[in-house]
């Protein structure tokens, strides 16, 4: 039986929230700041980003909502490569002390206990952690 899970990674970025959001707020612009993500393509309605490696679609994600005032967007992973379901993630920029930013990348999903370490490694560390570290380095 699958259980509800949460995955969260955060980073303090040494610049103001509007500057961070201007960089990361484009759902289709992930490759502009994330070093391990290939450029994405938009589907016909623009709500799905497709990632290709060697011409093959390796991932698809659908934008569920965007809130510029809250500096956040929410998306779901279509056809997940891991044994998970109901994966919904949010990338958000919040004000932090002294005018800098806190970036929060979190997801709720369902999975068996055995899948959690793989989700933590692939999404949490490799995707979220690498992207957040790149943001910190960019604004260091």
Protein backbone atom coordinates (compact mmCIF):
# COMPACT_ATOMS: atom_id res chain seq x y z
CA UNK A 1 0.00 0.00 0.00
CA UNK A 2 1.31 3.43 -0.87
CA UNK A 3 1.49 6.20 1.70
CA UNK A 4 1.47 9.99 1.42
CA UNK A 5 5.00 11.39 1.40
CA UNK A 6 6.65 14.80 1.39
CA UNK A 7 9.96 15.84 -0.14
CA UNK A 8 11.44 19.25 0.74
CA UNK A 9 14.69 21.01 -0.05
CA UNK A 10 15.40 24.67 0.74
CA UNK A 11 18.24 27.10 0.19
CA UNK A 12 18.99 30.65 1.20
CA UNK A 13 20.05 32.64 -1.86
CA UNK A 14 22.03 35.84 -1.45
CA UNK A 15 19.81 38.22 -3.44
CA UNK A 16 16.29 39.59 -3.25
CA UNK A 17 13.24 37.42 -4.02
CA UNK A 18 12.24 39.35 -7.15
CA UNK A 19 15.66 38.76 -8.72
CA UNK A 20 15.52 35.03 -7.96
CA UNK A 21 11.95 34.75 -9.27
CA UNK A 22 12.90 36.57 -12.47
CA UNK A 23 15.42 33.79 -13.09
CA UNK A 24 13.53 30.68 -11.93
CA UNK A 25 9.90 31.68 -12.44
CA UNK A 26 9.67 30.58 -16.07
CA UNK A 27 8.26 27.02 -16.01
CA UNK A 28 9.86 26.35 -19.39
CA UNK A 29 13.19 27.94 -18.42
CA UNK A 30 14.52 25.39 -15.93
CA UNK A 31 17.62 24.66 -18.05
CA UNK A 32 18.59 28.35 -17.90
CA UNK A 33 19.64 27.95 -14.26
CA UNK A 34 19.74 24.21 -13.49
CA UNK A 35 23.02 22.59 -14.59
CA UNK A 36 21.69 19.02 -14.96
CA UNK A 37 18.47 19.66 -16.86
CA UNK A 38 18.28 19.71 -20.65
CA UNK A 39 16.30 22.47 -22.36
CA UNK A 40 12.59 21.72 -22.43
CA UNK A 41 10.07 21.98 -25.23
CA UNK A 42 6.50 23.17 -24.85
CA UNK A 43 3.62 20.98 -25.91
CA UNK A 44 0.86 22.40 -28.11
CA UNK A 45 -1.02 24.19 -25.32
CA UNK A 46 2.16 25.30 -23.52
CA UNK A 47 1.22 23.69 -20.21
CA UNK A 48 3.53 20.68 -20.53
CA UNK A 49 7.31 20.77 -20.69
CA UNK A 50 9.03 17.91 -22.44
CA UNK A 51 12.64 16.98 -21.77
CA UNK A 52 14.52 15.06 -24.46
CA UNK A 53 17.84 13.27 -24.35
CA UNK A 54 19.22 12.02 -27.66
CA UNK A 55 15.89 12.80 -29.32
CA UNK A 56 13.85 10.69 -26.90
CA UNK A 57 11.36 12.21 -24.44
CA UNK A 58 12.65 11.27 -20.99
CA UNK A 59 10.31 13.35 -18.83
CA UNK A 60 7.08 15.32 -19.07
CA UNK A 61 5.76 17.76 -16.48
CA UNK A 62 2.47 19.67 -16.51
CA UNK A 63 2.10 23.16 -15.04
CA UNK A 64 -0.84 23.14 -12.64
CA UNK A 65 -0.68 26.72 -11.44
CA UNK A 66 1.45 29.83 -11.27
CA UNK A 67 1.26 32.73 -8.84
CA UNK A 68 3.63 35.58 -9.63
CA UNK A 69 2.54 37.53 -6.55
CA UNK A 70 3.53 34.57 -4.35
CA UNK A 71 6.54 33.83 -6.58
CA UNK A 72 5.61 30.17 -7.06
CA UNK A 73 4.48 27.59 -9.55
CA UNK A 74 3.11 24.09 -9.09
CA UNK A 75 3.46 21.17 -11.46
CA UNK A 76 2.99 17.43 -11.69
CA UNK A 77 5.22 14.77 -13.19
CA UNK A 78 3.51 12.84 -15.97
CA UNK A 79 4.59 9.24 -16.52
CA UNK A 80 7.03 9.18 -13.59
CA UNK A 81 10.15 7.06 -14.03
CA UNK A 82 10.09 6.10 -10.36
CA UNK A 83 7.48 3.95 -8.58
CA UNK A 84 5.43 6.94 -7.36
CA UNK A 85 2.00 8.42 -7.97
CA UNK A 86 0.18 11.70 -7.38
CA UNK A 87 3.45 13.67 -7.52
CA UNK A 88 2.77 17.41 -7.20
CA UNK A 89 5.68 19.80 -6.70
CA UNK A 90 5.96 23.52 -5.98
CA UNK A 91 8.94 25.78 -6.55
CA UNK A 92 8.67 29.00 -4.53
CA UNK A 93 10.76 32.02 -3.57
CA UNK A 94 10.14 33.64 -0.20
CA UNK A 95 11.64 36.66 1.52
CA UNK A 96 14.28 35.78 4.10
CA UNK A 97 16.20 37.83 6.66
CA UNK A 98 18.25 40.82 5.53
CA UNK A 99 16.63 41.10 2.09
CA UNK A 100 17.83 37.77 0.75
CA UNK A 101 15.68 34.87 -0.46
CA UNK A 102 14.69 31.43 0.62
CA UNK A 103 13.89 29.06 -2.24
CA UNK A 104 11.66 26.14 -1.32
CA UNK A 105 11.24 23.19 -3.65
CA UNK A 106 8.80 20.67 -2.28
CA UNK A 107 6.62 17.81 -3.46
CA UNK A 108 3.84 15.66 -2.15
CA UNK A 109 3.56 12.18 -3.60
CA UNK A 110 2.51 8.62 -2.86
CA UNK A 111 4.93 5.69 -2.72
CA UNK A 112 5.78 2.47 -0.95
CA UNK A 113 8.39 2.70 1.82
CA UNK A 114 10.99 1.00 -0.39
CA UNK A 115 10.78 3.78 -3.04
CA UNK A 116 11.39 6.70 -0.66
CA UNK A 117 15.22 6.52 -0.64
CA UNK A 118 15.26 6.53 -4.45
CA UNK A 119 12.89 9.52 -4.60
CA UNK A 120 15.00 11.37 -2.03
CA UNK A 121 18.16 10.69 -4.07
CA UNK A 122 16.83 11.32 -7.60
CA UNK A 123 14.41 14.18 -7.03
CA UNK A 124 15.56 15.51 -3.66
CA UNK A 125 19.34 15.46 -4.01
CA UNK A 126 20.07 15.21 -7.75
CA UNK A 127 17.32 17.50 -9.03
CA UNK A 128 16.25 19.82 -6.21
CA UNK A 129 19.55 19.91 -4.33
CA UNK A 130 21.68 20.43 -7.44
CA UNK A 131 19.42 23.20 -8.71
CA UNK A 132 19.34 25.00 -5.38
CA UNK A 133 23.12 24.76 -5.02
CA UNK A 134 23.49 26.27 -8.50
CA UNK A 135 21.27 29.19 -7.46
CA UNK A 136 23.34 29.77 -4.34
CA UNK A 137 26.56 29.72 -6.36
CA UNK A 138 25.13 32.07 -9.01
CA UNK A 139 24.28 34.73 -6.40
CA UNK A 140 27.20 34.12 -4.01
